[in-house]
Amino acid sequence: MQTDTIKTSQGDLIIHFLGHSSLMFSWNGKILHSDPVSGEADYPRLPKADVLLVSHDHYDHLDLKAVEILKTPATQVVGNADVGKQIPGAIVLANGQARTVSGILIEAVPAYNIEHMMAPGKPFHPKGVGNGYIVTFGDKRVYLAGDTENIPEMKNLRGIDIAFLPMNLPYTMTPEMAADAAKMFFPKILYPYHQGETDTSRITALLQNEKGIEVRIRTMK
């Protein structure tokens, strides 16, 4: 699997790019998995989770089989209310809530559609349901946007060092939307993820003049 190493005030943060929106973070002796889905990695061969983040309960984000493989009696699962209904003992965070879990600060932020709908008036991801997360590893703030569009709340994001933004149509953002989102909060490093068949080179081109944003393309279909 592809990995990147980011220096933090408390040692290296190693990002493991698994696929779609499934990621694994190794930091300070802890393992954090986000949105693990069985088809994206050989989870029985990966380290168990100290923290397991789930953005919402859609099948390509919440996979109970993968969760069961990664869980130990000490694993702390964090998710929205729908995830809490399916995983006993999960820590439920609503948009705007925060919790320090296994020494890692996790903030839940909004993730929803404004434009893309499954039917008139029925967004793929309604406001107030799913979560994005800001995860703090030492002095680095990592934004996992979840399934969202370029929503107004992104203007309130501060100090984002690394951002993962989805570009999987018709459920999330076009490259133009993702570029607009990035310009709301200017992450130092931007990874497109959950990209489906979207041409990721388009967001690189759209942000080529934003010298403060480094776009990194990794395999995350």
N, C-alpha and C. Protein backbone atom coordinates (compact mmCIF):
# COMPACT_ATOMS: atom_id res chain seq x y z
N MET A 1 0.84 -1.19 0.00
CA MET A 1 0.00 0.00 0.00
C MET A 1 0.88 1.24 0.00
N GLN A 2 0.34 2.34 -0.52
CA GLN A 2 1.07 3.60 -0.49
C GLN A 2 1.03 4.20 0.90
N THR A 3 2.14 4.83 1.30
CA THR A 3 2.18 5.53 2.58
C THR A 3 2.88 6.87 2.40
N ASP A 4 2.52 7.82 3.24
CA ASP A 4 3.23 9.09 3.37
C ASP A 4 3.58 9.29 4.84
N THR A 5 4.69 9.93 5.09
CA THR A 5 5.12 10.22 6.46
C THR A 5 5.13 11.73 6.68
N ILE A 6 4.44 12.16 7.73
CA ILE A 6 4.32 13.57 8.08
C ILE A 6 4.96 13.77 9.45
N LYS A 7 5.85 14.73 9.57
CA LYS A 7 6.47 15.03 10.86
C LYS A 7 5.48 15.76 11.76
N THR A 8 5.37 15.34 13.01
CA THR A 8 4.55 16.06 13.99
C THR A 8 5.38 16.32 15.24
N SER A 9 4.82 17.08 16.15
CA SER A 9 5.53 17.41 17.39
C SER A 9 5.69 16.21 18.31
N GLN A 10 4.97 15.12 18.02
CA GLN A 10 5.05 13.91 18.83
C GLN A 10 5.36 12.70 17.97
N GLY A 11 6.29 12.88 17.05
CA GLY A 11 6.73 11.78 16.21
C GLY A 11 6.03 11.74 14.86
N ASP A 12 6.45 10.79 14.05
CA ASP A 12 5.94 10.69 12.68
C ASP A 12 4.49 10.21 12.65
N LEU A 13 3.73 10.84 11.78
CA LEU A 13 2.40 10.37 11.42
C LEU A 13 2.53 9.66 10.09
N ILE A 14 2.20 8.36 10.06
CA ILE A 14 2.27 7.60 8.82
C ILE A 14 0.84 7.38 8.33
N ILE A 15 0.58 7.86 7.11
CA ILE A 15 -0.73 7.71 6.49
C ILE A 15 -0.67 6.55 5.52
N HIS A 16 -1.56 5.59 5.70
CA HIS A 16 -1.64 4.42 4.83
C HIS A 16 -2.89 4.58 3.96
N PHE A 17 -2.70 4.63 2.65
CA PHE A 17 -3.80 4.85 1.71
C PHE A 17 -4.34 3.49 1.29
N LEU A 18 -5.50 3.13 1.77
CA LEU A 18 -6.06 1.81 1.52
C LEU A 18 -6.96 1.79 0.29
N GLY A 19 -7.92 2.70 0.22
CA GLY A 19 -8.80 2.76 -0.94
C GLY A 19 -10.10 3.44 -0.60
N HIS A 20 -10.71 4.07 -1.62
CA HIS A 20 -11.99 4.75 -1.45
C HIS A 20 -11.86 5.80 -0.33
N SER A 21 -12.53 5.63 0.80
CA SER A 21 -12.29 6.55 1.92
C SER A 21 -11.67 5.81 3.11
N SER A 22 -11.17 4.62 2.87
CA SER A 22 -10.54 3.84 3.94
C SER A 22 -9.08 4.23 4.08
N LEU A 23 -8.72 4.65 5.29
CA LEU A 23 -7.36 5.09 5.59
C LEU A 23 -6.92 4.46 6.90
N MET A 24 -5.61 4.35 7.09
CA MET A 24 -5.07 3.96 8.38
C MET A 24 -3.97 4.94 8.76
N PHE A 25 -3.99 5.40 10.00
CA PHE A 25 -3.00 6.34 10.50
C PHE A 25 -2.23 5.67 11.64
N SER A 26 -0.91 5.74 11.57
CA SER A 26 -0.05 5.24 12.65
C SER A 26 0.66 6.44 13.26
N TRP A 27 0.51 6.60 14.57
CA TRP A 27 1.09 7.79 15.23
C TRP A 27 1.24 7.57 16.73
N ASN A 28 2.40 7.86 17.24
CA ASN A 28 2.62 7.89 18.68
C ASN A 28 2.19 6.58 19.35
N GLY A 29 2.46 5.46 18.68
CA GLY A 29 2.09 4.16 19.22
C GLY A 29 0.63 3.80 19.07
N LYS A 30 -0.14 4.62 18.36
CA LYS A 30 -1.58 4.38 18.18
C LYS A 30 -1.89 4.08 16.72
N ILE A 31 -2.95 3.31 16.51
CA ILE A 31 -3.46 3.02 15.17
C ILE A 31 -4.89 3.54 15.09
N LEU A 32 -5.13 4.40 14.11
CA LEU A 32 -6.48 4.91 13.86
C LEU A 32 -6.90 4.48 12.46
N HIS A 33 -8.02 3.80 12.37
CA HIS A 33 -8.62 3.44 11.08
C HIS A 33 -9.83 4.33 10.83
N SER A 34 -10.01 4.76 9.59
CA SER A 34 -11.20 5.53 9.24
C SER A 34 -11.95 4.84 8.12
N ASP A 35 -13.27 4.75 8.28
CA ASP A 35 -14.18 4.17 7.29
C ASP A 35 -13.64 2.87 6.67
N PRO A 36 -13.30 1.88 7.51
CA PRO A 36 -12.77 0.64 6.95
C PRO A 36 -13.84 -0.17 6.22
N VAL A 37 -13.51 -0.61 5.02
CA VAL A 37 -14.43 -1.41 4.20
C VAL A 37 -13.63 -2.61 3.67
N SER A 38 -14.20 -3.79 3.81
CA SER A 38 -13.47 -5.03 3.55
C SER A 38 -12.83 -5.08 2.18
N GLY A 39 -13.51 -4.59 1.17
CA GLY A 39 -12.98 -4.68 -0.18
C GLY A 39 -11.79 -3.78 -0.46
N GLU A 40 -11.48 -2.88 0.47
CA GLU A 40 -10.41 -1.90 0.23
C GLU A 40 -9.05 -2.35 0.76
N ALA A 41 -9.01 -3.37 1.62
CA ALA A 41 -7.73 -3.79 2.21
C ALA A 41 -7.88 -5.19 2.79
N ASP A 42 -6.74 -5.83 3.00
CA ASP A 42 -6.71 -7.14 3.65
C ASP A 42 -6.65 -6.90 5.16
N TYR A 43 -7.79 -6.57 5.74
CA TYR A 43 -7.81 -6.13 7.13
C TYR A 43 -7.29 -7.16 8.14
N PRO A 44 -7.47 -8.45 7.93
CA PRO A 44 -6.90 -9.40 8.90
C PRO A 44 -5.38 -9.29 9.04
N ARG A 45 -4.72 -8.73 8.03
CA ARG A 45 -3.26 -8.60 8.08
C ARG A 45 -2.80 -7.24 8.58
N LEU A 46 -3.73 -6.34 8.83
CA LEU A 46 -3.37 -4.99 9.30
C LEU A 46 -3.46 -4.91 10.81
N PRO A 47 -2.78 -3.92 11.41
CA PRO A 47 -2.86 -3.74 12.86
C PRO A 47 -4.28 -3.44 13.32
N LYS A 48 -4.61 -3.92 14.50
CA LYS A 48 -5.91 -3.62 15.10
C LYS A 48 -6.01 -2.13 15.42
N ALA A 49 -7.23 -1.66 15.57
CA ALA A 49 -7.47 -0.23 15.80
C ALA A 49 -7.48 0.11 17.28
N ASP A 50 -6.77 1.17 17.64
CA ASP A 50 -6.99 1.81 18.93
C ASP A 50 -8.23 2.70 18.85
N VAL A 51 -8.33 3.39 17.71
CA VAL A 51 -9.49 4.25 17.44
C VAL A 51 -10.01 3.91 16.05
N LEU A 52 -11.33 3.83 15.93
CA LEU A 52 -11.96 3.52 14.66
C LEU A 52 -13.01 4.58 14.38
N LEU A 53 -12.80 5.36 13.33
CA LEU A 53 -13.70 6.45 12.95
C LEU A 53 -14.62 6.00 11.82
N VAL A 54 -15.90 6.29 11.96
CA VAL A 54 -16.86 6.02 10.88
C VAL A 54 -17.67 7.29 10.64
N SER A 55 -17.69 7.75 9.40
CA SER A 55 -18.33 9.02 9.10
C SER A 55 -19.85 8.94 9.08
N HIS A 56 -20.39 7.83 8.52
CA HIS A 56 -21.84 7.64 8.45
C HIS A 56 -22.10 6.18 8.08
N ASP A 57 -23.37 5.81 7.97
CA ASP A 57 -23.69 4.39 7.89
C ASP A 57 -23.90 3.85 6.48
N HIS A 58 -23.53 4.57 5.43
CA HIS A 58 -23.62 4.01 4.09
C HIS A 58 -22.66 2.84 3.95
N TYR A 59 -23.02 1.87 3.10
CA TYR A 59 -22.30 0.59 3.04
C TYR A 59 -20.82 0.75 2.71
N ASP A 60 -20.47 1.82 1.97
CA ASP A 60 -19.07 1.99 1.58
C ASP A 60 -18.28 2.78 2.62
N HIS A 61 -18.86 2.97 3.80
CA HIS A 61 -18.18 3.63 4.91
C HIS A 61 -18.29 2.83 6.20
N LEU A 62 -19.45 2.24 6.42
CA LEU A 62 -19.66 1.39 7.59
C LEU A 62 -19.77 -0.06 7.12
N ASP A 63 -18.75 -0.84 7.41
CA ASP A 63 -18.72 -2.27 7.09
C ASP A 63 -18.51 -3.01 8.40
N LEU A 64 -19.57 -3.60 8.91
CA LEU A 64 -19.49 -4.23 10.23
C LEU A 64 -18.51 -5.40 10.26
N LYS A 65 -18.32 -6.06 9.13
CA LYS A 65 -17.35 -7.14 9.07
C LYS A 65 -15.94 -6.59 9.29
N ALA A 66 -15.60 -5.50 8.61
CA ALA A 66 -14.27 -4.90 8.78
C ALA A 66 -14.10 -4.37 10.20
N VAL A 67 -15.15 -3.76 10.73
CA VAL A 67 -15.09 -3.24 12.10
C VAL A 67 -14.79 -4.37 13.08
N GLU A 68 -15.44 -5.49 12.90
CA GLU A 68 -15.24 -6.62 13.81
C GLU A 68 -13.82 -7.15 13.73
N ILE A 69 -13.25 -7.17 12.54
CA ILE A 69 -11.88 -7.63 12.37
C ILE A 69 -10.90 -6.71 13.09
N LEU A 70 -11.14 -5.42 13.03
CA LEU A 70 -10.20 -4.43 13.56
C LEU A 70 -10.36 -4.16 15.06
N LYS A 71 -11.50 -4.52 15.60
CA LYS A 71 -11.79 -4.20 17.00
C LYS A 71 -11.08 -5.15 17.96
N THR A 72 -10.67 -4.59 19.09
CA THR A 72 -10.27 -5.36 20.26
C THR A 72 -11.15 -4.88 21.41
N PRO A 73 -11.08 -5.52 22.57
CA PRO A 73 -11.87 -5.01 23.70
C PRO A 73 -11.54 -3.56 24.07
N ALA A 74 -10.34 -3.10 23.68
CA ALA A 74 -9.93 -1.74 24.03
C ALA A 74 -10.21 -0.72 22.93
N THR A 75 -10.61 -1.18 21.75
CA THR A 75 -10.84 -0.26 20.63
C THR A 75 -12.01 0.68 20.95
N GLN A 76 -11.82 1.95 20.63
CA GLN A 76 -12.89 2.94 20.78
C GLN A 76 -13.39 3.33 19.40
N VAL A 77 -14.67 3.11 19.18
CA VAL A 77 -15.30 3.44 17.90
C VAL A 77 -16.00 4.78 18.04
N VAL A 78 -15.79 5.64 17.05
CA VAL A 78 -16.43 6.97 17.03
C VAL A 78 -17.25 7.08 15.75
N GLY A 79 -18.49 7.50 15.88
CA GLY A 79 -19.33 7.65 14.70
C GLY A 79 -20.50 8.57 14.95
N ASN A 80 -21.34 8.71 13.95
CA ASN A 80 -22.55 9.52 14.11
C ASN A 80 -23.64 8.67 14.78
N ALA A 81 -24.83 9.20 14.93
CA ALA A 81 -25.90 8.50 15.65
C ALA A 81 -26.28 7.19 14.96
N ASP A 82 -26.29 7.17 13.63
CA ASP A 82 -26.64 5.95 12.91
C ASP A 82 -25.61 4.85 13.14
N VAL A 83 -24.36 5.24 13.22
CA VAL A 83 -23.30 4.26 13.53
C VAL A 83 -23.48 3.73 14.95
N GLY A 84 -23.82 4.63 15.88
CA GLY A 84 -24.03 4.23 17.26
C GLY A 84 -25.14 3.21 17.43
N LYS A 85 -26.13 3.26 16.55
CA LYS A 85 -27.22 2.29 16.62
C LYS A 85 -26.77 0.89 16.22
N GLN A 86 -25.71 0.81 15.42
CA GLN A 86 -25.27 -0.48 14.90
C GLN A 86 -24.04 -1.05 15.60
N ILE A 87 -23.32 -0.21 16.33
CA ILE A 87 -22.12 -0.67 17.02
C ILE A 87 -22.28 -0.36 18.51
N PRO A 88 -22.62 -1.34 19.31
CA PRO A 88 -22.80 -1.09 20.75
C PRO A 88 -21.54 -0.52 21.38
N GLY A 89 -21.74 0.49 22.22
CA GLY A 89 -20.61 1.09 22.92
C GLY A 89 -19.87 2.15 22.14
N ALA A 90 -20.29 2.45 20.91
CA ALA A 90 -19.63 3.48 20.12
C ALA A 90 -19.81 4.85 20.77
N ILE A 91 -18.81 5.69 20.62
CA ILE A 91 -18.90 7.08 21.05
C ILE A 91 -19.61 7.85 19.94
N VAL A 92 -20.75 8.42 20.24
CA VAL A 92 -21.54 9.14 19.24
C VAL A 92 -21.23 10.63 19.32
N LEU A 93 -20.81 11.18 18.19
CA LEU A 93 -20.57 12.62 18.09
C LEU A 93 -21.49 13.20 17.03
N ALA A 94 -22.17 14.27 17.37
CA ALA A 94 -22.95 15.04 16.41
C ALA A 94 -22.08 16.17 15.86
N ASN A 95 -22.51 16.75 14.74
CA ASN A 95 -21.79 17.89 14.17
C ASN A 95 -21.54 18.94 15.25
N GLY A 96 -20.29 19.38 15.39
CA GLY A 96 -19.95 20.40 16.37
C GLY A 96 -19.44 19.87 17.69
N GLN A 97 -19.54 18.57 17.91
CA GLN A 97 -19.06 17.99 19.16
C GLN A 97 -17.63 17.49 19.00
N ALA A 98 -16.92 17.39 20.12
CA ALA A 98 -15.53 16.95 20.11
C ALA A 98 -15.27 16.04 21.30
N ARG A 99 -14.27 15.19 21.15
CA ARG A 99 -13.92 14.27 22.23
C ARG A 99 -12.46 13.86 22.06
N THR A 100 -11.73 13.78 23.17
CA THR A 100 -10.39 13.21 23.12
C THR A 100 -10.51 11.72 23.36
N VAL A 101 -10.03 10.95 22.39
CA VAL A 101 -10.19 9.49 22.39
C VAL A 101 -8.80 8.87 22.26
N SER A 102 -8.42 8.09 23.26
CA SER A 102 -7.11 7.45 23.25
C SER A 102 -6.00 8.47 23.02
N GLY A 103 -6.16 9.65 23.60
CA GLY A 103 -5.15 10.69 23.51
C GLY A 103 -5.19 11.49 22.23
N ILE A 104 -6.20 11.28 21.40
CA ILE A 104 -6.31 11.98 20.11
C ILE A 104 -7.59 12.80 20.11
N LEU A 105 -7.46 14.11 19.86
CA LEU A 105 -8.64 14.98 19.79
C LEU A 105 -9.35 14.76 18.47
N ILE A 106 -10.66 14.47 18.56
CA ILE A 106 -11.49 14.25 17.39
C ILE A 106 -12.66 15.22 17.43
N GLU A 107 -12.80 16.01 16.38
CA GLU A 107 -13.89 16.99 16.27
C GLU A 107 -14.79 16.57 15.11
N ALA A 108 -16.09 16.50 15.35
CA ALA A 108 -17.05 16.16 14.30
C ALA A 108 -17.55 17.46 13.66
N VAL A 109 -17.53 17.49 12.34
CA VAL A 109 -17.96 18.68 11.60
C VAL A 109 -18.98 18.26 10.54
N PRO A 110 -19.76 19.20 10.03
CA PRO A 110 -20.81 18.85 9.07
C PRO A 110 -20.28 18.24 7.78
N ALA A 111 -21.09 17.36 7.20
CA ALA A 111 -20.80 16.76 5.89
C ALA A 111 -22.15 16.48 5.24
N TYR A 112 -22.43 17.16 4.14
CA TYR A 112 -23.74 16.99 3.51
C TYR A 112 -23.74 17.52 2.08
N ASN A 113 -24.81 17.21 1.36
CA ASN A 113 -25.01 17.70 -0.01
C ASN A 113 -25.91 18.93 -0.03
N ILE A 114 -25.60 19.82 -0.95
CA ILE A 114 -26.47 20.95 -1.26
C ILE A 114 -27.05 20.78 -2.66
N GLU A 115 -26.22 20.31 -3.58
CA GLU A 115 -26.60 20.25 -5.00
C GLU A 115 -27.00 18.85 -5.45
N HIS A 116 -26.24 17.86 -5.08
CA HIS A 116 -26.46 16.51 -5.62
C HIS A 116 -27.55 15.78 -4.84
N MET A 117 -28.57 15.34 -5.58
CA MET A 117 -29.76 14.74 -4.97
C MET A 117 -30.05 13.37 -5.58
N MET A 118 -30.59 12.46 -4.77
CA MET A 118 -31.07 11.18 -5.30
C MET A 118 -32.45 11.34 -5.94
N ALA A 119 -33.18 12.37 -5.49
CA ALA A 119 -34.47 12.75 -6.04
C ALA A 119 -34.69 14.20 -5.60
N PRO A 120 -35.58 14.94 -6.25
CA PRO A 120 -35.80 16.33 -5.86
C PRO A 120 -36.09 16.46 -4.36
N GLY A 121 -35.29 17.29 -3.70
CA GLY A 121 -35.47 17.51 -2.27
C GLY A 121 -34.90 16.44 -1.38
N LYS A 122 -34.23 15.42 -1.98
CA LYS A 122 -33.66 14.31 -1.19
C LYS A 122 -32.17 14.19 -1.49
N PRO A 123 -31.33 14.91 -0.74
CA PRO A 123 -29.88 14.83 -0.97
C PRO A 123 -29.34 13.45 -0.62
N PHE A 124 -28.27 13.08 -1.29
CA PHE A 124 -27.63 11.80 -0.97
C PHE A 124 -27.19 11.77 0.50
N HIS A 125 -26.77 12.93 0.99
CA HIS A 125 -26.32 13.03 2.38
C HIS A 125 -26.98 14.27 3.00
N PRO A 126 -28.03 14.07 3.79
CA PRO A 126 -28.76 15.21 4.36
C PRO A 126 -27.93 15.94 5.41
N LYS A 127 -28.20 17.21 5.54
CA LYS A 127 -27.52 18.03 6.54
C LYS A 127 -27.83 17.53 7.95
N GLY A 128 -26.80 17.50 8.79
CA GLY A 128 -26.97 17.14 10.18
C GLY A 128 -26.91 15.66 10.48
N VAL A 129 -26.64 14.83 9.46
CA VAL A 129 -26.62 13.38 9.68
C VAL A 129 -25.18 12.87 9.75
N GLY A 130 -24.45 12.96 8.64
CA GLY A 130 -23.09 12.43 8.59
C GLY A 130 -22.07 13.37 9.20
N ASN A 131 -20.91 12.81 9.48
CA ASN A 131 -19.80 13.58 10.04
C ASN A 131 -18.63 13.65 9.08
N GLY A 132 -17.96 14.79 9.08
CA GLY A 132 -16.55 14.85 8.75
C GLY A 132 -15.82 14.92 10.08
N TYR A 133 -14.51 14.74 10.06
CA TYR A 133 -13.75 14.79 11.30
C TYR A 133 -12.48 15.59 11.14
N ILE A 134 -12.14 16.34 12.17
CA ILE A 134 -10.80 16.93 12.29
C ILE A 134 -10.11 16.14 13.40
N VAL A 135 -8.99 15.53 13.04
CA VAL A 135 -8.24 14.69 13.97
C VAL A 135 -6.89 15.36 14.22
N THR A 136 -6.55 15.57 15.48
CA THR A 136 -5.32 16.25 15.83
C THR A 136 -4.27 15.25 16.28
N PHE A 137 -3.17 15.20 15.52
CA PHE A 137 -2.03 14.35 15.83
C PHE A 137 -0.88 15.27 16.23
N GLY A 138 -0.65 15.43 17.52
CA GLY A 138 0.38 16.38 17.96
C GLY A 138 0.03 17.78 17.52
N ASP A 139 0.88 18.38 16.68
CA ASP A 139 0.63 19.75 16.20
C ASP A 139 0.03 19.76 14.80
N LYS A 140 -0.42 18.62 14.30
CA LYS A 140 -0.99 18.55 12.95
C LYS A 140 -2.49 18.24 13.02
N ARG A 141 -3.25 19.04 12.27
CA ARG A 141 -4.70 18.87 12.20
C ARG A 141 -5.07 18.29 10.84
N VAL A 142 -5.72 17.13 10.89
CA VAL A 142 -6.07 16.40 9.67
C VAL A 142 -7.59 16.41 9.52
N TYR A 143 -8.06 16.87 8.38
CA TYR A 143 -9.49 16.97 8.08
C TYR A 143 -9.89 15.84 7.16
N LEU A 144 -10.75 14.96 7.66
CA LEU A 144 -11.35 13.89 6.87
C LEU A 144 -12.77 14.34 6.56
N ALA A 145 -13.01 14.78 5.35
CA ALA A 145 -14.25 15.50 5.05
C ALA A 145 -15.48 14.61 5.03
N GLY A 146 -15.30 13.28 4.84
CA GLY A 146 -16.47 12.42 4.71
C GLY A 146 -17.18 12.67 3.39
N ASP A 147 -18.44 12.31 3.32
CA ASP A 147 -19.22 12.51 2.09
C ASP A 147 -19.89 13.87 2.16
N THR A 148 -19.36 14.80 1.41
CA THR A 148 -19.82 16.18 1.51
C THR A 148 -19.59 16.91 0.20
N GLU A 149 -20.20 18.08 0.11
CA GLU A 149 -19.89 19.04 -0.95
C GLU A 149 -19.14 20.21 -0.31
N ASN A 150 -18.91 21.25 -1.10
CA ASN A 150 -18.22 22.45 -0.62
C ASN A 150 -19.22 23.32 0.14
N ILE A 151 -19.45 22.93 1.38
CA ILE A 151 -20.50 23.54 2.20
C ILE A 151 -20.00 24.80 2.88
N PRO A 152 -20.89 25.74 3.23
CA PRO A 152 -20.45 27.01 3.83
C PRO A 152 -19.66 26.84 5.12
N GLU A 153 -19.94 25.78 5.87
CA GLU A 153 -19.25 25.58 7.15
C GLU A 153 -17.74 25.40 6.99
N MET A 154 -17.29 25.07 5.80
CA MET A 154 -15.85 24.91 5.59
C MET A 154 -15.10 26.22 5.79
N LYS A 155 -15.79 27.34 5.65
CA LYS A 155 -15.14 28.63 5.88
C LYS A 155 -14.72 28.81 7.33
N ASN A 156 -15.29 28.01 8.22
CA ASN A 156 -14.96 28.10 9.64
C ASN A 156 -13.80 27.21 10.05
N LEU A 157 -13.30 26.40 9.13
CA LEU A 157 -12.19 25.52 9.46
C LEU A 157 -10.91 26.34 9.62
N ARG A 158 -10.13 26.03 10.62
CA ARG A 158 -8.91 26.78 10.92
C ARG A 158 -7.74 25.83 11.13
N GLY A 159 -6.59 26.24 10.64
CA GLY A 159 -5.36 25.53 10.94
C GLY A 159 -5.31 24.11 10.43
N ILE A 160 -5.88 23.86 9.26
CA ILE A 160 -5.88 22.51 8.70
C ILE A 160 -4.55 22.27 7.97
N ASP A 161 -3.81 21.30 8.45
CA ASP A 161 -2.54 20.96 7.82
C ASP A 161 -2.72 20.00 6.66
N ILE A 162 -3.62 19.04 6.82
CA ILE A 162 -3.84 18.00 5.81
C ILE A 162 -5.34 17.82 5.64
N ALA A 163 -5.79 17.79 4.40
CA ALA A 163 -7.23 17.61 4.13
C ALA A 163 -7.43 16.49 3.14
N PHE A 164 -8.44 15.68 3.40
CA PHE A 164 -8.92 14.66 2.47
C PHE A 164 -10.31 15.10 2.00
N LEU A 165 -10.43 15.36 0.69
CA LEU A 165 -11.69 15.83 0.13
C LEU A 165 -12.21 14.83 -0.91
N PRO A 166 -13.51 14.49 -0.84
CA PRO A 166 -14.08 13.48 -1.74
C PRO A 166 -14.47 14.06 -3.09
N MET A 167 -14.28 13.25 -4.14
CA MET A 167 -14.66 13.68 -5.49
C MET A 167 -15.30 12.51 -6.24
N ASN A 168 -16.31 11.92 -5.65
CA ASN A 168 -16.96 10.75 -6.25
C ASN A 168 -18.38 11.13 -6.69
N LEU A 169 -18.53 11.39 -7.98
CA LEU A 169 -19.85 11.81 -8.48
C LEU A 169 -20.76 10.60 -8.68
N PRO A 170 -22.08 10.78 -8.48
CA PRO A 170 -22.76 12.05 -8.17
C PRO A 170 -22.92 12.31 -6.69
N TYR A 171 -22.21 11.59 -5.84
CA TYR A 171 -22.51 11.60 -4.41
C TYR A 171 -21.81 12.72 -3.64
N THR A 172 -20.69 13.20 -4.16
CA THR A 172 -19.95 14.22 -3.41
C THR A 172 -19.61 15.40 -4.32
N MET A 173 -18.31 15.64 -4.58
CA MET A 173 -17.92 16.87 -5.26
C MET A 173 -17.30 16.64 -6.64
N THR A 174 -17.51 17.60 -7.52
CA THR A 174 -16.72 17.71 -8.73
C THR A 174 -15.34 18.26 -8.35
N PRO A 175 -14.34 18.13 -9.22
CA PRO A 175 -13.05 18.77 -8.93
C PRO A 175 -13.19 20.27 -8.71
N GLU A 176 -14.10 20.90 -9.43
CA GLU A 176 -14.29 22.35 -9.23
C GLU A 176 -14.82 22.65 -7.83
N MET A 177 -15.76 21.83 -7.36
CA MET A 177 -16.27 22.01 -6.00
C MET A 177 -15.16 21.78 -4.97
N ALA A 178 -14.35 20.74 -5.18
CA ALA A 178 -13.29 20.44 -4.23
C ALA A 178 -12.24 21.56 -4.20
N ALA A 179 -11.95 22.13 -5.36
CA ALA A 179 -11.02 23.26 -5.41
C ALA A 179 -11.59 24.46 -4.67
N ASP A 180 -12.88 24.71 -4.86
CA ASP A 180 -13.54 25.80 -4.13
C ASP A 180 -13.48 25.55 -2.62
N ALA A 181 -13.72 24.30 -2.22
CA ALA A 181 -13.65 23.95 -0.80
C ALA A 181 -12.26 24.23 -0.25
N ALA A 182 -11.24 23.83 -0.97
CA ALA A 182 -9.87 24.03 -0.50
C ALA A 182 -9.56 25.52 -0.32
N LYS A 183 -10.11 26.34 -1.18
CA LYS A 183 -9.85 27.78 -1.08
C LYS A 183 -10.59 28.43 0.09
N MET A 184 -11.52 27.69 0.71
CA MET A 184 -12.19 28.22 1.90
C MET A 184 -11.31 28.14 3.14
N PHE A 185 -10.42 27.13 3.19
CA PHE A 185 -9.65 26.96 4.43
C PHE A 185 -8.16 26.69 4.22
N PHE A 186 -7.72 26.56 2.97
CA PHE A 186 -6.31 26.49 2.59
C PHE A 186 -5.50 25.47 3.39
N PRO A 187 -5.76 24.18 3.17
CA PRO A 187 -4.91 23.17 3.80
C PRO A 187 -3.50 23.22 3.21
N LYS A 188 -2.52 22.86 4.00
CA LYS A 188 -1.15 22.83 3.47
C LYS A 188 -0.98 21.68 2.49
N ILE A 189 -1.60 20.54 2.77
CA ILE A 189 -1.57 19.37 1.89
C ILE A 189 -2.99 18.93 1.63
N LEU A 190 -3.31 18.68 0.37
CA LEU A 190 -4.65 18.22 -0.01
C LEU A 190 -4.54 16.88 -0.72
N TYR A 191 -5.25 15.90 -0.19
CA TYR A 191 -5.39 14.61 -0.85
C TYR A 191 -6.83 14.46 -1.34
N PRO A 192 -7.07 14.30 -2.64
CA PRO A 192 -8.40 13.85 -3.06
C PRO A 192 -8.57 12.39 -2.62
N TYR A 193 -9.76 12.03 -2.16
CA TYR A 193 -10.04 10.63 -1.86
C TYR A 193 -11.48 10.32 -2.21
N HIS A 194 -11.86 9.03 -2.07
CA HIS A 194 -13.24 8.66 -2.42
C HIS A 194 -13.54 9.22 -3.81
N GLN A 195 -12.64 8.95 -4.77
CA GLN A 195 -12.68 9.68 -6.03
C GLN A 195 -13.38 8.95 -7.17
N GLY A 196 -13.68 7.64 -7.00
CA GLY A 196 -14.36 6.94 -8.06
C GLY A 196 -13.60 7.04 -9.37
N GLU A 197 -14.29 7.41 -10.43
CA GLU A 197 -13.66 7.52 -11.75
C GLU A 197 -13.27 8.95 -12.09
N THR A 198 -13.33 9.85 -11.12
CA THR A 198 -13.00 11.25 -11.38
C THR A 198 -11.53 11.41 -11.76
N ASP A 199 -11.27 12.24 -12.73
CA ASP A 199 -9.90 12.55 -13.16
C ASP A 199 -9.27 13.48 -12.13
N THR A 200 -8.41 12.92 -11.29
CA THR A 200 -7.82 13.73 -10.21
C THR A 200 -6.86 14.80 -10.71
N SER A 201 -6.37 14.66 -11.94
CA SER A 201 -5.46 15.70 -12.46
C SER A 201 -6.17 17.04 -12.58
N ARG A 202 -7.50 17.02 -12.64
CA ARG A 202 -8.25 18.28 -12.79
C ARG A 202 -8.10 19.17 -11.57
N ILE A 203 -8.10 18.56 -10.37
CA ILE A 203 -7.97 19.42 -9.19
C ILE A 203 -6.54 19.94 -9.06
N THR A 204 -5.58 19.17 -9.53
CA THR A 204 -4.20 19.68 -9.54
C THR A 204 -4.11 20.92 -10.42
N ALA A 205 -4.74 20.86 -11.58
CA ALA A 205 -4.72 22.00 -12.50
C ALA A 205 -5.47 23.19 -11.91
N LEU A 206 -6.60 22.93 -11.28
CA LEU A 206 -7.42 24.01 -10.74
C LEU A 206 -6.72 24.74 -9.60
N LEU A 207 -5.84 24.06 -8.88
CA LEU A 207 -5.17 24.66 -7.73
C LEU A 207 -3.70 24.96 -7.99
N GLN A 208 -3.28 24.91 -9.24
CA GLN A 208 -1.86 25.07 -9.54
C GLN A 208 -1.31 26.44 -9.15
N ASN A 209 -2.16 27.44 -9.09
CA ASN A 209 -1.69 28.79 -8.73
C ASN A 209 -1.81 29.08 -7.23
N GLU A 210 -2.35 28.13 -6.48
CA GLU A 210 -2.46 28.30 -5.02
C GLU A 210 -1.20 27.71 -4.39
N LYS A 211 -0.17 28.53 -4.28
CA LYS A 211 1.14 28.03 -3.87
C LYS A 211 1.16 27.50 -2.44
N GLY A 212 0.19 27.90 -1.62
CA GLY A 212 0.14 27.41 -0.24
C GLY A 212 -0.49 26.05 -0.09
N ILE A 213 -1.05 25.49 -1.19
CA ILE A 213 -1.72 24.18 -1.13
C ILE A 213 -0.96 23.19 -2.01
N GLU A 214 -0.44 22.16 -1.40
CA GLU A 214 0.22 21.09 -2.14
C GLU A 214 -0.79 19.97 -2.37
N VAL A 215 -1.11 19.71 -3.64
CA VAL A 215 -2.03 18.62 -3.97
C VAL A 215 -1.22 17.34 -4.16
N ARG A 216 -1.60 16.30 -3.42
CA ARG A 216 -0.94 15.01 -3.55
C ARG A 216 -1.95 13.98 -4.01
N ILE A 217 -1.65 13.32 -5.09
CA ILE A 217 -2.56 12.32 -5.66
C ILE A 217 -2.09 10.94 -5.24
N ARG A 218 -2.98 10.20 -4.62
CA ARG A 218 -2.71 8.83 -4.23
C ARG A 218 -3.85 7.95 -4.75
N THR A 219 -3.63 6.65 -4.83
CA THR A 219 -4.66 5.74 -5.32
C THR A 219 -5.71 5.54 -4.24
N MET A 220 -6.88 6.13 -4.43
CA MET A 220 -7.93 6.09 -3.42
C MET A 220 -9.31 5.91 -4.07
N LYS A 221 -9.42 5.06 -5.10
CA LYS A 221 -10.72 4.87 -5.75
C LYS A 221 -11.72 4.19 -4.82
